[in-house]
Structures are given as structure tokens and as C-alpha cells.
């Protein structure tokens, strides 16, 4: 019974093995460019290295064989530079084109070319149900976001991103999203990414006790100085058991999550960061998940609520095909009861291809959500991770989403 319910989880369990592969946030640029490298299908919980010419960067894979790291492009003798990732017996590579300044191309001409590219992309929709996306390269991977815009028929107005408790406030990423006319849904994860569920250094008690207050103030001050709207979802999917900020793991007890949330909210707010919209974001409830009522910090600490939910189909031996209304109805009812009147986002979602028609699922999901006035956004998890969650995992999937988004604009 538990295995059946886990079909609704996000990232809780690994699925079928996939070949190792990497994607780059940029595939061309000058020497000195910082490139985000995202890998899938590598051995689980294994140390590895990304190399680019003379440069190297270590990483560790997650429990699903996923990693993300960055490397600086060195000076190269050839224009084509191979970026390679190795972990255990697995390896994958991608080519990066090193560009060089041309005296015949002025800065003004480069700006005109960028404007021409932007002019070919579809615009942001004015539909009430906003369309958003998260991609492997994150907000700075403009090419990935442009590709999503082209395939979906509209530019996403919500961009999902992730930062752990070792990373600085991503002001450059926030500004890159704003320059596209979109808003960031910034996932702030209180852990060291990829370190597993037992990380005592990041226990909820330590957060609530003030051990991270200097870091919290750094974030709050930077966000306040930036000054534009940002959705901040702290410690998402807390009702599961796959992150160290969940109750019942990492030494955390009942009530610890809400206490930590309130403390983080108060410290960040004390810096004047009134532009932050606080998004409380459980996973869709499942048999055995932590009840939501004990995790909710209260209406004064939450601006919006969200749910994450995935149709795993038959991509894993413990999952089954789950229609959109089967996946979300119970969770929506619970968050509405806990947080009446708060706007609702679907902050992460997608479907597997295996076990049914992903195209029909995409269309049904958009229609289902668009009929509910308090649901303000749906954000696609455009990753090839545990299974191929990408919008274009098949042409029929991409075509169906494009048509569904167009229909909800009508």
C-alpha cells in the first residue's frame, strides 16, 4: 500500500537505470565563462570529476545518480572543447565552442543581434494560470529557456531554481529572470546538496536556535537591496522523508519544521525584504506522509501555498499511472483548508511516458488547473532525471502541452 502511494512522490526513489548524460547551461562562449554542468544516469552517491581542458571540478551524485556543478572554461588551443564528467565506471561528455572577440563585430551589433533573437520568441501570456518551468541549467541558461518558449508557444513567466544553504543569494540569476519579464520561484534548501537525509549540521533545531542567522541576514539584505518580487519556497516537500528538513529524520521532531520556518521568515523579514513572497510547499500527501496541519507555520508567515506532484506512470516497479485529478485533488483540499484564501501554485509537476498517454495527461492537467481560480501557476519540471520528465520527451507530449496552453488563453 505504501509502495502504491509513493507513486506520487517527487525525487523520493530512484527509477530505472538510464545512460549517463550531461547538459550544459551554455554551449558556447569566451574563455572564462562559468558553465553549469548537470548530469543524470551516473552511479548513485558516487564522487566524480568534471574536466574541461586543464580545469577540473569535483562533484558527488545524489541517490538518483544526479549532480550539478560548475566549471570555468579555460583558454583553449582549439575552438571546440570537450567537457567530460566521470563517476565510477560512467562517463559522459558534451562539446563547448570557445568564442573569440572579433574586431568587426561591435558591442552595438551584438546587442542588436540579441534583440533580434528575443523578437523571434513568443511572448508571456496574460492568462490567469501562469506557465512556468525549471530546467537543468537554471535561470542563467537562456538557451534552455528559449527552447522551452519555442516548443510551448509562450515564454514562461515563472522560472524555478534551487539553492542550498552553502550558496550566496543568486542576485544575477534573479535579474536574468526579471530581464525576461518573468518572476523567480526560488527554492531555498537548508542542507548541503546531495549529502543525504542525515545532516546534523542543518537540523531544524539549529536553524530555529539562530545558528544560521548571519547567513539568513545575508540573504535577506541582498534580496531587499535587489528589491523586485521573488517567490521564496523554503524547505519544500517537508511532508516526505527524503530531505534532512523533514520531521522524523535528521533528529527532527514534531513541530520543528514550523518553528524553523517562522524563525527564517522573521530573520529575513527583519532586513526589510518586503519583496519576498513566502511559498509553503508540501508534496502531494500520500499514505504515510507527515500530516500537513502540524507543518503549517500559520497565515502570518505564508503568502502563497504550493504542491509538488508527479505522475510516475509505470516508470518504476512501485508506481502506477495517476490522472491529474487523482494526483492533486486531496492535496488541494488540504491546503485550502489550512490556508483559506491563499493563492496556490503547482510548483513542480510532470508525467512519465510509460503507462499511458503523456500527451493526454498534459492536456488534462492544464484544463483541470485552469478551471480553479485560486491556482495561479503551473511549473513544469523539464528534466531528464529519474525518468524523462521533459516537455518534449516525445513530440506528442510537446504538441499537447502547446495546444493546452493555447486553449487556456482563449
Protein backbone atom coordinates (compact mmCIF):
# COMPACT_ATOMS: atom_id res chain seq x y z
CA UNK A 1 0.00 0.00 0.00
CA UNK A 2 2.85 2.37 0.82
CA UNK A 3 4.61 1.50 -2.45
CA UNK A 4 1.46 2.36 -4.35
CA UNK A 5 1.12 5.73 -2.67
CA UNK A 6 4.75 6.59 -3.28
CA UNK A 7 3.88 6.87 -6.98
CA UNK A 8 3.01 10.47 -6.16
CA UNK A 9 6.40 11.41 -4.78
CA UNK A 10 8.95 13.79 -6.26
CA UNK A 11 12.52 12.55 -6.13
CA UNK A 12 11.97 10.10 -3.28
CA UNK A 13 13.15 6.98 -5.02
CA UNK A 14 15.33 6.16 -8.00
CA UNK A 15 13.73 4.63 -11.05
CA UNK A 16 15.02 2.56 -13.92
CA UNK A 17 18.67 2.90 -14.84
CA UNK A 18 19.50 5.41 -17.56
CA UNK A 19 22.65 6.03 -19.56
CA UNK A 20 24.93 8.71 -18.17
CA UNK A 21 24.47 12.09 -19.84
CA UNK A 22 25.35 15.72 -19.18
CA UNK A 23 23.85 19.03 -20.25
CA UNK A 24 25.48 22.45 -20.17
CA UNK A 25 23.97 25.79 -19.23
CA UNK A 26 25.81 27.26 -22.24
CA UNK A 27 27.38 25.52 -25.20
CA UNK A 28 29.48 28.42 -26.40
CA UNK A 29 31.21 31.48 -25.01
CA UNK A 30 34.62 33.02 -24.34
CA UNK A 31 37.30 31.61 -22.09
CA UNK A 32 36.43 32.48 -18.50
CA UNK A 33 32.75 31.59 -18.90
CA UNK A 34 31.30 29.72 -15.90
CA UNK A 35 29.28 26.78 -17.19
CA UNK A 36 26.80 24.80 -15.09
CA UNK A 37 27.12 21.08 -15.80
CA UNK A 38 24.14 18.86 -14.96
CA UNK A 39 24.46 15.08 -15.04
CA UNK A 40 21.93 12.25 -14.93
CA UNK A 41 22.23 8.46 -15.04
CA UNK A 42 25.52 8.25 -13.12
CA UNK A 43 26.25 5.80 -10.27
CA UNK A 44 24.37 6.77 -7.13
CA UNK A 45 26.10 8.59 -4.26
CA UNK A 46 29.46 8.48 -6.02
CA UNK A 47 32.28 11.02 -6.20
CA UNK A 48 33.21 12.23 -9.65
CA UNK A 49 35.05 14.87 -11.61
CA UNK A 50 34.12 17.26 -14.41
CA UNK A 51 37.01 18.26 -16.63
CA UNK A 52 37.33 20.95 -19.29
CA UNK A 53 40.81 21.22 -20.77
CA UNK A 54 43.13 21.95 -17.87
CA UNK A 55 40.27 22.68 -15.45
CA UNK A 56 38.67 20.18 -13.10
CA UNK A 57 35.78 20.30 -10.62
CA UNK A 58 34.75 17.57 -8.17
CA UNK A 59 31.13 16.58 -7.55
CA UNK A 60 29.09 13.91 -5.77
CA UNK A 61 25.99 12.32 -7.24
CA UNK A 62 22.67 12.08 -5.44
CA UNK A 63 20.69 8.96 -4.55
CA UNK A 64 19.25 9.04 -8.09
CA UNK A 65 22.60 9.49 -9.88
CA UNK A 66 22.08 13.22 -10.46
CA UNK A 67 24.58 16.04 -9.98
CA UNK A 68 25.00 19.71 -10.74
CA UNK A 69 28.28 21.62 -10.59
CA UNK A 70 30.05 24.50 -12.32
CA UNK A 71 33.36 24.79 -14.14
CA UNK A 72 35.21 27.74 -15.67
CA UNK A 73 36.13 27.45 -19.34
CA UNK A 74 39.93 27.74 -19.69
CA UNK A 75 41.88 29.17 -22.58
CA UNK A 76 41.87 26.55 -25.35
CA UNK A 77 44.05 25.99 -28.37
CA UNK A 78 41.06 24.78 -30.38
CA UNK A 79 37.65 26.33 -30.69
CA UNK A 80 36.00 23.01 -29.74
CA UNK A 81 36.48 21.99 -26.10
CA UNK A 82 35.23 18.69 -24.70
CA UNK A 83 33.65 18.87 -21.24
CA UNK A 84 33.64 15.43 -19.64
CA UNK A 85 32.12 14.05 -16.44
CA UNK A 86 33.27 10.80 -14.83
CA UNK A 87 31.95 8.98 -11.76
CA UNK A 88 32.79 5.36 -11.10
CA UNK A 89 32.68 3.49 -14.40
CA UNK A 90 30.33 6.00 -16.05
CA UNK A 91 31.35 8.88 -18.27
CA UNK A 92 29.58 11.41 -20.47
CA UNK A 93 30.72 14.42 -22.44
CA UNK A 94 29.47 17.44 -24.35
CA UNK A 95 31.21 19.90 -26.66
CA UNK A 96 31.67 23.59 -25.83
CA UNK A 97 32.62 26.12 -28.51
CA UNK A 98 35.14 28.68 -27.29
CA UNK A 99 34.42 32.00 -28.96
CA UNK A 100 36.82 34.84 -29.53
CA UNK A 101 36.11 38.55 -29.94
CA UNK A 102 36.02 39.79 -33.49
CA UNK A 103 37.01 43.40 -34.14
CA UNK A 104 34.48 43.50 -36.95
CA UNK A 105 31.56 42.95 -34.53
CA UNK A 106 30.83 45.91 -32.30
CA UNK A 107 29.06 45.79 -28.94
CA UNK A 108 26.14 47.62 -30.52
CA UNK A 109 25.86 44.95 -33.23
CA UNK A 110 25.90 42.21 -30.58
CA UNK A 111 23.06 43.95 -28.72
CA UNK A 112 21.05 44.23 -31.92
CA UNK A 113 21.58 40.51 -32.58
CA UNK A 114 20.36 39.68 -29.07
CA UNK A 115 17.26 41.81 -29.59
CA UNK A 116 16.58 40.09 -32.91
CA UNK A 117 16.74 36.70 -31.17
CA UNK A 118 14.36 37.88 -28.44
CA UNK A 119 11.95 39.23 -31.06
CA UNK A 120 11.55 35.73 -32.57
CA UNK A 121 10.38 34.21 -29.27
CA UNK A 122 6.71 34.08 -28.24
CA UNK A 123 5.63 36.46 -25.51
CA UNK A 124 4.44 35.90 -21.96
CA UNK A 125 0.77 35.02 -21.75
CA UNK A 126 -1.71 37.17 -19.84
CA UNK A 127 -3.73 34.08 -18.88
CA UNK A 128 -4.65 33.82 -15.21
CA UNK A 129 -2.95 30.41 -14.88
CA UNK A 130 0.72 31.26 -15.36
CA UNK A 131 3.08 28.84 -17.11
CA UNK A 132 6.46 28.20 -15.52
CA UNK A 133 9.42 25.90 -15.95
CA UNK A 134 12.57 24.62 -14.27
CA UNK A 135 15.47 23.49 -16.48
CA UNK A 136 18.81 21.81 -15.66
CA UNK A 137 20.92 24.90 -16.28
CA UNK A 138 18.77 27.18 -14.14
CA UNK A 139 17.91 30.85 -14.76
CA UNK A 140 21.20 31.69 -16.48
CA UNK A 141 20.71 29.01 -19.14
CA UNK A 142 18.96 31.36 -21.52
CA UNK A 143 19.16 28.88 -24.38
CA UNK A 144 17.25 26.26 -22.41
CA UNK A 145 14.54 28.74 -21.52
CA UNK A 146 14.32 29.95 -25.13
CA UNK A 147 13.90 26.34 -26.27
CA UNK A 148 11.05 25.82 -23.82
CA UNK A 149 9.39 29.02 -25.01
CA UNK A 150 9.62 27.93 -28.64
CA UNK A 151 8.23 24.45 -28.03
CA UNK A 152 5.42 25.59 -25.71
CA UNK A 153 4.29 28.60 -27.72
CA UNK A 154 4.83 31.11 -24.91
CA UNK A 155 7.65 32.41 -22.77
CA UNK A 156 7.46 31.04 -19.21
CA UNK A 157 6.55 33.71 -16.68
CA UNK A 158 7.77 31.71 -13.65
CA UNK A 159 11.30 30.28 -13.54
CA UNK A 160 12.09 27.61 -10.94
CA UNK A 161 15.56 27.49 -9.38
CA UNK A 162 17.36 25.82 -6.46
CA UNK A 163 19.96 26.94 -3.89
CA UNK A 164 21.26 25.15 -0.81
CA UNK A 165 22.47 26.64 2.48
CA UNK A 166 26.05 26.94 1.24
CA UNK A 167 25.26 29.27 -1.66
CA UNK A 168 25.14 33.03 -1.85
CA UNK A 169 22.00 34.97 -2.76
CA UNK A 170 21.60 34.49 -6.55
CA UNK A 171 21.06 38.12 -7.47
CA UNK A 172 22.47 37.71 -11.00
CA UNK A 173 20.03 34.86 -11.62
CA UNK A 174 17.13 36.85 -10.24
CA UNK A 175 17.98 39.75 -12.53
CA UNK A 176 18.32 37.44 -15.54
CA UNK A 177 14.79 36.16 -14.90
CA UNK A 178 13.43 39.68 -14.43
CA UNK A 179 15.01 40.74 -17.72
CA UNK A 180 12.85 38.09 -19.41
CA UNK A 181 9.71 39.58 -17.87
CA UNK A 182 9.35 36.62 -15.50
CA UNK A 183 9.49 36.03 -11.75
CA UNK A 184 11.73 33.54 -9.91
CA UNK A 185 10.35 30.70 -7.81
CA UNK A 186 13.49 30.28 -5.70
CA UNK A 187 13.81 27.01 -3.81
CA UNK A 188 15.92 27.53 -0.68
CA UNK A 189 17.09 24.19 0.69
CA UNK A 190 18.53 24.05 4.24
CA UNK A 191 21.19 21.40 3.63
CA UNK A 192 24.40 20.68 1.77
CA UNK A 193 23.09 19.49 -1.58
CA UNK A 194 23.47 15.76 -2.22
CA UNK A 195 24.55 14.93 1.34
CA UNK A 196 21.61 12.69 2.22
CA UNK A 197 18.95 12.95 4.90
CA UNK A 198 21.25 12.74 7.92
CA UNK A 199 22.98 16.13 8.13
CA UNK A 200 23.02 17.18 11.79
CA UNK A 201 24.70 20.48 10.91
CA UNK A 202 21.42 21.52 9.25
CA UNK A 203 18.92 20.20 11.79
CA UNK A 204 15.73 22.20 12.22
CA UNK A 205 16.60 22.84 15.88
CA UNK A 206 19.86 24.52 14.87
CA UNK A 207 18.05 26.73 12.37
CA UNK A 208 15.41 27.76 14.91
CA UNK A 209 18.10 28.37 17.55
CA UNK A 210 19.74 31.01 15.38
CA UNK A 211 22.88 29.16 14.27
CA UNK A 212 22.38 30.38 10.69
CA UNK A 213 21.16 33.89 11.43
CA UNK A 214 24.17 35.63 9.86
CA UNK A 215 23.60 33.67 6.66
CA UNK A 216 19.85 34.38 6.74
CA UNK A 217 20.51 38.10 7.15
CA UNK A 218 22.95 37.99 4.22
CA UNK A 219 20.19 36.60 2.04
CA UNK A 220 17.56 38.97 3.36
CA UNK A 221 19.76 42.03 2.86
CA UNK A 222 20.67 41.01 -0.69
CA UNK A 223 17.05 40.33 -1.63
CA UNK A 224 15.91 43.61 -0.08
CA UNK A 225 18.59 45.57 -1.94
CA UNK A 226 17.62 43.89 -5.20
CA UNK A 227 14.07 44.99 -4.46
CA UNK A 228 11.94 43.13 -7.01
CA UNK A 229 9.33 40.42 -6.42
CA UNK A 230 10.59 36.89 -5.79
CA UNK A 231 8.75 33.75 -4.66
CA UNK A 232 10.79 32.01 -1.95
CA UNK A 233 9.91 28.41 -1.14
CA UNK A 234 11.89 27.37 1.91
CA UNK A 235 12.32 23.66 2.66
CA UNK A 236 9.86 22.27 0.12
CA UNK A 237 8.30 18.77 0.25
CA UNK A 238 8.74 18.75 4.02
CA UNK A 239 5.94 16.19 4.49
CA UNK A 240 8.06 13.48 2.89
CA UNK A 241 11.12 11.76 4.34
CA UNK A 242 13.74 12.33 1.66
CA UNK A 243 15.18 15.67 2.83
CA UNK A 244 17.00 16.47 6.11
CA UNK A 245 14.50 19.22 6.95
CA UNK A 246 11.65 16.70 7.24
CA UNK A 247 10.32 15.73 10.63
CA UNK A 248 11.23 12.20 11.67
CA UNK A 249 14.69 12.31 10.05
CA UNK A 250 17.95 14.07 10.95
CA UNK A 251 16.94 14.31 14.60
CA UNK A 252 13.92 16.50 13.79
CA UNK A 253 10.77 16.15 15.87
CA UNK A 254 7.15 17.19 15.69
CA UNK A 255 6.72 20.95 15.44
CA UNK A 256 10.34 21.60 14.48
CA UNK A 257 9.62 22.44 10.85
CA UNK A 258 7.06 25.17 11.58
CA UNK A 259 9.33 26.64 14.25
CA UNK A 260 12.29 26.76 11.84
CA UNK A 261 10.12 28.29 9.12
CA UNK A 262 8.90 31.07 11.43
CA UNK A 263 12.45 31.83 12.55
CA UNK A 264 13.79 32.00 8.98
CA UNK A 265 10.85 34.19 7.95
CA UNK A 266 11.38 36.58 10.86
CA UNK A 267 15.13 36.97 10.35
CA UNK A 268 14.84 37.56 6.61
CA UNK A 269 11.91 39.94 7.08
CA UNK A 270 13.87 41.92 9.68
CA UNK A 271 16.25 43.01 6.91
CA UNK A 272 13.44 44.81 5.07
CA UNK A 273 12.94 42.16 2.38
CA UNK A 274 9.28 43.01 1.81
CA UNK A 275 9.63 41.94 -1.83
CA UNK A 276 9.81 38.26 -0.78
CA UNK A 277 6.64 36.21 -1.21
CA UNK A 278 6.86 33.19 1.11
CA UNK A 279 5.64 29.96 -0.52
CA UNK A 280 4.82 26.99 1.76
CA UNK A 281 5.18 23.93 -0.45
CA UNK A 282 4.48 20.34 0.61
CA UNK A 283 4.47 17.34 -1.69
CA UNK A 284 1.06 15.94 -2.58
CA UNK A 285 0.08 13.92 0.51
CA UNK A 286 0.45 10.16 0.30
CA UNK A 287 -0.13 7.22 2.62
CA UNK A 288 2.43 7.58 5.40
CA UNK A 289 3.38 11.22 4.75
CA UNK A 290 3.58 13.68 7.63
CA UNK A 291 0.19 15.37 8.23
CA UNK A 292 0.17 18.90 6.87
CA UNK A 293 -1.59 20.59 9.77
CA UNK A 294 1.46 20.20 12.04
CA UNK A 295 3.79 21.61 9.37
CA UNK A 296 1.91 24.80 8.54
CA UNK A 297 3.55 27.83 10.22
CA UNK A 298 0.40 29.96 10.21
CA UNK A 299 -1.21 32.55 7.92
CA UNK A 300 1.02 35.42 9.05
CA UNK A 301 4.09 33.56 7.81
CA UNK A 302 2.84 32.41 4.41
CA UNK A 303 1.91 34.42 1.31
CA UNK A 304 1.10 31.52 -1.02
CA UNK A 305 0.89 27.74 -0.84
CA UNK A 306 2.06 25.19 -3.41
CA UNK A 307 2.08 21.49 -4.18
CA UNK A 308 4.60 19.28 -5.96
CA UNK A 309 3.23 16.19 -7.68
CA UNK A 310 4.34 13.82 -10.43
CA UNK A 311 2.69 11.09 -12.45
CA UNK A 312 5.35 8.39 -12.40
CA UNK A 313 3.21 6.12 -14.58
CA UNK A 314 4.85 2.69 -14.75
CA UNK A 315 8.40 4.10 -14.98
CA UNK A 316 9.23 2.38 -11.68
CA UNK A 317 8.20 -1.00 -10.31
CA UNK A 318 6.32 0.64 -7.41
CA UNK A 319 4.31 3.21 -9.41
CA UNK A 320 1.13 3.37 -11.47
CA UNK A 321 -0.49 5.78 -13.90
CA UNK A 322 -2.18 8.61 -11.98
CA UNK A 323 -4.55 11.09 -13.57
CA UNK A 324 -4.12 14.81 -12.69
CA UNK A 325 -7.25 14.96 -10.51
CA UNK A 326 -6.22 11.77 -8.70
CA UNK A 327 -2.80 13.26 -8.06
CA UNK A 328 -3.79 16.71 -6.82
CA UNK A 329 -7.39 16.75 -5.55
CA UNK A 330 -6.71 15.61 -1.98
CA UNK A 331 -3.70 17.89 -1.51
CA UNK A 332 -5.56 20.88 -2.91
CA UNK A 333 -8.40 20.25 -0.49
CA UNK A 334 -5.99 20.09 2.44
CA UNK A 335 -4.04 23.26 1.63
CA UNK A 336 -7.26 25.17 1.03
CA UNK A 337 -8.48 24.09 4.45
CA UNK A 338 -5.21 25.06 6.14
CA UNK A 339 -4.66 28.30 4.23
CA UNK A 340 -8.03 29.63 3.08
CA UNK A 341 -7.81 32.43 0.57
CA UNK A 342 -4.10 31.96 -0.17
CA UNK A 343 -3.09 31.68 -3.86
CA UNK A 344 -1.95 28.20 -4.90
CA UNK A 345 0.90 27.22 -7.21
CA UNK A 346 1.71 23.82 -8.67
CA UNK A 347 5.44 24.32 -8.16
CA UNK A 348 6.76 21.09 -9.70
CA UNK A 349 4.94 18.67 -11.95
CA UNK A 350 5.30 16.44 -14.98
CA UNK A 351 4.41 12.98 -16.23
CA UNK A 352 6.33 9.90 -17.28
CA UNK A 353 5.72 8.48 -20.74
CA UNK A 354 5.32 4.90 -19.53
CA UNK A 355 1.90 3.52 -18.64
CA UNK A 356 -0.44 5.84 -20.52
CA UNK A 357 -0.65 8.86 -22.81
CA UNK A 358 1.55 11.70 -21.59
CA UNK A 359 0.05 13.93 -24.26
CA UNK A 360 -3.46 13.38 -22.88
CA UNK A 361 -2.16 13.85 -19.32
CA UNK A 362 -0.60 17.22 -20.19
CA UNK A 363 -3.82 18.44 -21.77
CA UNK A 364 -5.97 17.18 -18.90
CA UNK A 365 -3.72 18.76 -16.28
CA UNK A 366 -3.80 22.24 -17.81
CA UNK A 367 -7.57 22.06 -18.28
CA UNK A 368 -8.07 20.78 -14.71
CA UNK A 369 -5.94 23.51 -13.15
CA UNK A 370 -7.30 26.31 -15.34
CA UNK A 371 -10.83 25.66 -14.02
CA UNK A 372 -9.76 26.52 -10.44
CA UNK A 373 -9.47 30.28 -9.88
CA UNK A 374 -7.19 30.10 -6.84
CA UNK A 375 -4.49 28.17 -8.74
CA UNK A 376 -2.23 30.83 -10.18
CA UNK A 377 0.66 28.92 -11.78
CA UNK A 378 1.79 25.52 -13.03
CA UNK A 379 5.54 24.90 -13.27
CA UNK A 380 6.95 22.08 -15.39
CA UNK A 381 9.97 20.12 -14.18
CA UNK A 382 11.80 19.98 -17.54
CA UNK A 383 14.48 17.48 -16.53
CA UNK A 384 15.55 14.04 -17.70
CA UNK A 385 16.18 12.76 -14.20
CA UNK A 386 14.51 9.71 -12.56
CA UNK A 387 12.62 9.35 -15.83
CA UNK A 388 12.22 11.70 -18.78
CA UNK A 389 10.07 14.46 -17.30
CA UNK A 390 10.84 16.89 -20.13
CA UNK A 391 8.08 18.60 -22.05
CA UNK A 392 9.50 17.16 -25.28
CA UNK A 393 10.11 13.62 -24.04
CA UNK A 394 8.03 12.91 -27.14
CA UNK A 395 6.73 15.14 -29.88
CA UNK A 396 3.15 14.29 -28.92
CA UNK A 397 3.84 15.46 -25.34
CA UNK A 398 5.23 18.80 -26.52
CA UNK A 399 2.42 19.30 -29.04
CA UNK A 400 -0.25 18.55 -26.44
CA UNK A 401 1.15 20.99 -23.89
CA UNK A 402 1.45 23.72 -26.51
CA UNK A 403 -2.18 23.20 -27.56
CA UNK A 404 -3.41 23.08 -23.95
CA UNK A 405 -1.63 26.31 -23.05
CA UNK A 406 -3.08 28.00 -26.14
CA UNK A 407 -6.58 26.78 -25.25
CA UNK A 408 -6.38 28.14 -21.71
CA UNK A 409 -5.52 31.55 -23.23
CA UNK A 410 -8.73 31.54 -25.22
